[in-house]
């Protein structure tokens, strides 16, 4: 069972938003205060794509195939995870937190895990694979408490 102590950071992220919270009480009854919000403008993929996917003629058959188009929306989410990892490293290096809980969707959590510097990884005391960016801070407190107690 992981308990968050006073001063533990809880970072709630999806591919476009990150909410930085700090526990100002104990693990029995966490009270999270917002210390920072980060947001990225990431329109839907269709709004970012230039035109239809390219096509190529086949040499063996008289048909054509379409190239896979780049999913700009997903690419931006992955870049956001890398940027978030950089932000966390800068703050860890300055000693702004001793322990951290990461809360994100499984995909973003995986991307973030791959990008985190060892200095941050050593401070991770828990991970919750849920998307909570649109929840209230009160709901986040309850979910973090119940998921870390399990």
C-alpha atoms as a PDB file:
ATOM      1  CA  UNK A   1       0.000   0.000   0.000  1.00  0.00           C
ATOM      2  CA  UNK A   2       1.389   3.369  -1.047  1.00  0.00           C
ATOM      3  CA  UNK A   3       0.523   6.423   0.972  1.00  0.00           C
ATOM      4  CA  UNK A   4       1.159   9.897  -0.219  1.00  0.00           C
ATOM      5  CA  UNK A   5       2.770  12.098   2.378  1.00  0.00           C
ATOM      6  CA  UNK A   6       2.686  15.830   2.854  1.00  0.00           C
ATOM      7  CA  UNK A   7       4.355  17.525  -0.122  1.00  0.00           C
ATOM      8  CA  UNK A   8       3.865  14.635  -2.561  1.00  0.00           C
ATOM      9  CA  UNK A   9       3.035  15.820  -6.060  1.00  0.00           C
ATOM     10  CA  UNK A  10       0.200  14.266  -8.036  1.00  0.00           C
ATOM     11  CA  UNK A  11       0.395  14.921 -11.776  1.00  0.00           C
ATOM     12  CA  UNK A  12      -2.837  14.259 -13.662  1.00  0.00           C
ATOM     13  CA  UNK A  13      -2.329  14.238 -17.428  1.00  0.00           C
ATOM     14  CA  UNK A  14      -3.830  13.265 -20.731  1.00  0.00           C
ATOM     15  CA  UNK A  15      -2.320  14.013 -24.120  1.00  0.00           C
ATOM     16  CA  UNK A  16      -3.302  17.676 -24.019  1.00  0.00           C
ATOM     17  CA  UNK A  17      -3.527  18.800 -20.391  1.00  0.00           C
ATOM     18  CA  UNK A  18      -1.554  18.332 -17.201  1.00  0.00           C
ATOM     19  CA  UNK A  19      -2.596  19.329 -13.723  1.00  0.00           C
ATOM     20  CA  UNK A  20       0.129  19.600 -11.085  1.00  0.00           C
ATOM     21  CA  UNK A  21      -1.203  19.058  -7.575  1.00  0.00           C
ATOM     22  CA  UNK A  22       0.544  18.970  -4.189  1.00  0.00           C
ATOM     23  CA  UNK A  23      -0.723  17.130  -1.131  1.00  0.00           C
ATOM     24  CA  UNK A  24      -0.866  19.582   1.769  1.00  0.00           C
ATOM     25  CA  UNK A  25      -1.968  17.043   4.393  1.00  0.00           C
ATOM     26  CA  UNK A  26      -1.242  13.333   4.863  1.00  0.00           C
ATOM     27  CA  UNK A  27      -2.032  10.075   3.074  1.00  0.00           C
ATOM     28  CA  UNK A  28      -4.983   9.234   5.296  1.00  0.00           C
ATOM     29  CA  UNK A  29      -6.958  12.214   4.064  1.00  0.00           C
ATOM     30  CA  UNK A  30      -5.174  13.798   1.069  1.00  0.00           C
ATOM     31  CA  UNK A  31      -5.889  17.448   0.368  1.00  0.00           C
ATOM     32  CA  UNK A  32      -4.557  18.364  -3.060  1.00  0.00           C
ATOM     33  CA  UNK A  33      -3.926  21.949  -4.077  1.00  0.00           C
ATOM     34  CA  UNK A  34      -3.393  23.005  -7.683  1.00  0.00           C
ATOM     35  CA  UNK A  35       0.097  24.376  -8.195  1.00  0.00           C
ATOM     36  CA  UNK A  36       0.162  24.536 -12.001  1.00  0.00           C
ATOM     37  CA  UNK A  37      -1.848  23.783 -15.152  1.00  0.00           C
ATOM     38  CA  UNK A  38      -0.386  23.060 -18.571  1.00  0.00           C
ATOM     39  CA  UNK A  39      -2.458  22.864 -21.722  1.00  0.00           C
ATOM     40  CA  UNK A  40      -1.619  22.212 -25.350  1.00  0.00           C
ATOM     41  CA  UNK A  41      -3.782  23.192 -28.286  1.00  0.00           C
ATOM     42  CA  UNK A  42      -4.262  19.895 -30.121  1.00  0.00           C
ATOM     43  CA  UNK A  43      -7.059  19.988 -32.733  1.00  0.00           C
ATOM     44  CA  UNK A  44      -8.596  16.767 -34.045  1.00  0.00           C
ATOM     45  CA  UNK A  45      -6.476  14.932 -36.602  1.00  0.00           C
ATOM     46  CA  UNK A  46      -8.831  15.812 -39.471  1.00  0.00           C
ATOM     47  CA  UNK A  47      -8.274  19.505 -38.744  1.00  0.00           C
ATOM     48  CA  UNK A  48      -4.493  19.048 -38.860  1.00  0.00           C
ATOM     49  CA  UNK A  49      -4.217  16.833 -41.941  1.00  0.00           C
ATOM     50  CA  UNK A  50      -3.403  18.553 -45.210  1.00  0.00           C
ATOM     51  CA  UNK A  51      -5.326  16.449 -47.730  1.00  0.00           C
ATOM     52  CA  UNK A  52      -6.236  12.915 -48.612  1.00  0.00           C
ATOM     53  CA  UNK A  53      -3.591  10.211 -48.107  1.00  0.00           C
ATOM     54  CA  UNK A  54      -1.233   9.721 -51.053  1.00  0.00           C
ATOM     55  CA  UNK A  55      -1.704   6.819 -53.450  1.00  0.00           C
ATOM     56  CA  UNK A  56       0.777   4.596 -55.191  1.00  0.00           C
ATOM     57  CA  UNK A  57       0.394   2.348 -58.224  1.00  0.00           C
ATOM     58  CA  UNK A  58       1.331  -1.282 -57.738  1.00  0.00           C
ATOM     59  CA  UNK A  59       3.952  -2.805 -59.992  1.00  0.00           C
ATOM     60  CA  UNK A  60       2.490  -6.328 -60.056  1.00  0.00           C
ATOM     61  CA  UNK A  61      -1.236  -5.546 -60.232  1.00  0.00           C
ATOM     62  CA  UNK A  62      -3.210  -2.839 -61.965  1.00  0.00           C
ATOM     63  CA  UNK A  63      -4.410  -1.409 -58.631  1.00  0.00           C
ATOM     64  CA  UNK A  64      -3.560   1.449 -56.336  1.00  0.00           C
ATOM     65  CA  UNK A  65      -2.945   1.550 -52.592  1.00  0.00           C
ATOM     66  CA  UNK A  66      -3.188   4.417 -50.158  1.00  0.00           C
ATOM     67  CA  UNK A  67      -0.353   5.365 -47.852  1.00  0.00           C
ATOM     68  CA  UNK A  68      -1.159   5.507 -44.159  1.00  0.00           C
ATOM     69  CA  UNK A  69      -1.617   9.124 -43.225  1.00  0.00           C
ATOM     70  CA  UNK A  70       0.186  10.531 -40.200  1.00  0.00           C
ATOM     71  CA  UNK A  71      -2.058  10.872 -37.162  1.00  0.00           C
ATOM     72  CA  UNK A  72      -1.028  14.388 -36.131  1.00  0.00           C
ATOM     73  CA  UNK A  73      -3.318  14.366 -33.115  1.00  0.00           C
ATOM     74  CA  UNK A  74      -1.652  11.239 -31.629  1.00  0.00           C
ATOM     75  CA  UNK A  75       1.788  12.577 -32.510  1.00  0.00           C
ATOM     76  CA  UNK A  76       1.053  15.778 -30.599  1.00  0.00           C
ATOM     77  CA  UNK A  77      -0.102  13.721 -27.589  1.00  0.00           C
ATOM     78  CA  UNK A  78       3.168  11.808 -27.618  1.00  0.00           C
ATOM     79  CA  UNK A  79       5.106  15.076 -27.874  1.00  0.00           C
ATOM     80  CA  UNK A  80       3.130  16.445 -24.941  1.00  0.00           C
ATOM     81  CA  UNK A  81       4.223  13.437 -22.850  1.00  0.00           C
ATOM     82  CA  UNK A  82       7.863  14.188 -23.756  1.00  0.00           C
ATOM     83  CA  UNK A  83       7.413  17.866 -22.848  1.00  0.00           C
ATOM     84  CA  UNK A  84       5.787  16.883 -19.549  1.00  0.00           C
ATOM     85  CA  UNK A  85       8.701  14.560 -18.776  1.00  0.00           C
ATOM     86  CA  UNK A  86      11.092  17.470 -19.396  1.00  0.00           C
ATOM     87  CA  UNK A  87       9.069  19.744 -17.079  1.00  0.00           C
ATOM     88  CA  UNK A  88       9.118  17.122 -14.334  1.00  0.00           C
ATOM     89  CA  UNK A  89      12.865  16.626 -14.702  1.00  0.00           C
ATOM     90  CA  UNK A  90      13.510  20.360 -14.392  1.00  0.00           C
ATOM     91  CA  UNK A  91      11.411  20.539 -11.220  1.00  0.00           C
ATOM     92  CA  UNK A  92      12.896  17.368  -9.717  1.00  0.00           C
ATOM     93  CA  UNK A  93      16.392  18.684 -10.409  1.00  0.00           C
ATOM     94  CA  UNK A  94      15.508  21.883  -8.508  1.00  0.00           C
ATOM     95  CA  UNK A  95      14.271  19.778  -5.570  1.00  0.00           C
ATOM     96  CA  UNK A  96      10.662  20.942  -5.856  1.00  0.00           C
ATOM     97  CA  UNK A  97       9.306  17.477  -4.967  1.00  0.00           C
ATOM     98  CA  UNK A  98      10.567  14.346  -3.217  1.00  0.00           C
ATOM     99  CA  UNK A  99       7.786  12.002  -4.302  1.00  0.00           C
ATOM    100  CA  UNK A 100       5.267  11.959  -7.126  1.00  0.00           C
ATOM    101  CA  UNK A 101       2.192  10.030  -8.250  1.00  0.00           C
ATOM    102  CA  UNK A 102       1.486   9.879 -11.991  1.00  0.00           C
ATOM    103  CA  UNK A 103      -2.133   9.707 -13.139  1.00  0.00           C
ATOM    104  CA  UNK A 104      -2.798   9.306 -16.868  1.00  0.00           C
ATOM    105  CA  UNK A 105      -4.460   7.112 -19.475  1.00  0.00           C
ATOM    106  CA  UNK A 106      -2.555   3.858 -20.118  1.00  0.00           C
ATOM    107  CA  UNK A 107      -1.180   5.154 -23.448  1.00  0.00           C
ATOM    108  CA  UNK A 108       0.039   8.475 -22.057  1.00  0.00           C
ATOM    109  CA  UNK A 109       1.359   6.798 -18.910  1.00  0.00           C
ATOM    110  CA  UNK A 110       3.404   4.464 -21.103  1.00  0.00           C
ATOM    111  CA  UNK A 111       4.748   7.339 -23.201  1.00  0.00           C
ATOM    112  CA  UNK A 112       5.549   9.328 -20.083  1.00  0.00           C
ATOM    113  CA  UNK A 113       7.272   6.348 -18.450  1.00  0.00           C
ATOM    114  CA  UNK A 114       9.479   5.963 -21.546  1.00  0.00           C
ATOM    115  CA  UNK A 115      10.442   9.659 -21.477  1.00  0.00           C
ATOM    116  CA  UNK A 116      11.059  10.188 -17.751  1.00  0.00           C
ATOM    117  CA  UNK A 117      14.587  10.899 -16.594  1.00  0.00           C
ATOM    118  CA  UNK A 118      15.962   8.574 -13.923  1.00  0.00           C
ATOM    119  CA  UNK A 119      15.945  11.426 -11.389  1.00  0.00           C
ATOM    120  CA  UNK A 120      12.146  11.611 -11.730  1.00  0.00           C
ATOM    121  CA  UNK A 121      11.627   7.838 -11.970  1.00  0.00           C
ATOM    122  CA  UNK A 122      13.276   7.404  -8.574  1.00  0.00           C
ATOM    123  CA  UNK A 123      10.668   9.718  -7.042  1.00  0.00           C
ATOM    124  CA  UNK A 124       7.599   7.959  -8.509  1.00  0.00           C
ATOM    125  CA  UNK A 125       5.730   6.289  -5.639  1.00  0.00           C
ATOM    126  CA  UNK A 126       2.601   5.349  -7.576  1.00  0.00           C
ATOM    127  CA  UNK A 127       0.894   5.259 -10.952  1.00  0.00           C
ATOM    128  CA  UNK A 128      -2.822   5.305 -11.710  1.00  0.00           C
ATOM    129  CA  UNK A 129      -3.840   4.459 -15.266  1.00  0.00           C
ATOM    130  CA  UNK A 130      -7.004   6.533 -15.530  1.00  0.00           C
ATOM    131  CA  UNK A 131      -7.899   9.724 -17.369  1.00  0.00           C
ATOM    132  CA  UNK A 132      -8.918  12.199 -14.670  1.00  0.00           C
ATOM    133  CA  UNK A 133      -8.119  15.572 -16.257  1.00  0.00           C
ATOM    134  CA  UNK A 134     -11.791  16.560 -16.431  1.00  0.00           C
ATOM    135  CA  UNK A 135     -12.545  15.542 -12.841  1.00  0.00           C
ATOM    136  CA  UNK A 136     -12.781  17.944  -9.923  1.00  0.00           C
ATOM    137  CA  UNK A 137      -9.879  18.113  -7.481  1.00  0.00           C
ATOM    138  CA  UNK A 138     -12.172  16.564  -4.841  1.00  0.00           C
ATOM    139  CA  UNK A 139     -12.892  13.588  -7.100  1.00  0.00           C
ATOM    140  CA  UNK A 140      -9.190  13.227  -7.908  1.00  0.00           C
ATOM    141  CA  UNK A 141      -8.395  13.163  -4.168  1.00  0.00           C
ATOM    142  CA  UNK A 142     -10.895  10.339  -3.586  1.00  0.00           C
ATOM    143  CA  UNK A 143      -9.691   8.293  -6.572  1.00  0.00           C
ATOM    144  CA  UNK A 144      -6.010   8.714  -5.687  1.00  0.00           C
ATOM    145  CA  UNK A 145      -6.687   7.729  -2.091  1.00  0.00           C
ATOM    146  CA  UNK A 146      -8.708   4.641  -3.027  1.00  0.00           C
ATOM    147  CA  UNK A 147      -6.396   3.491  -5.855  1.00  0.00           C
ATOM    148  CA  UNK A 148      -3.219   3.838  -3.805  1.00  0.00           C
ATOM    149  CA  UNK A 149      -4.796   2.062  -0.829  1.00  0.00           C
ATOM    150  CA  UNK A 150      -5.666  -0.987  -2.956  1.00  0.00           C
END
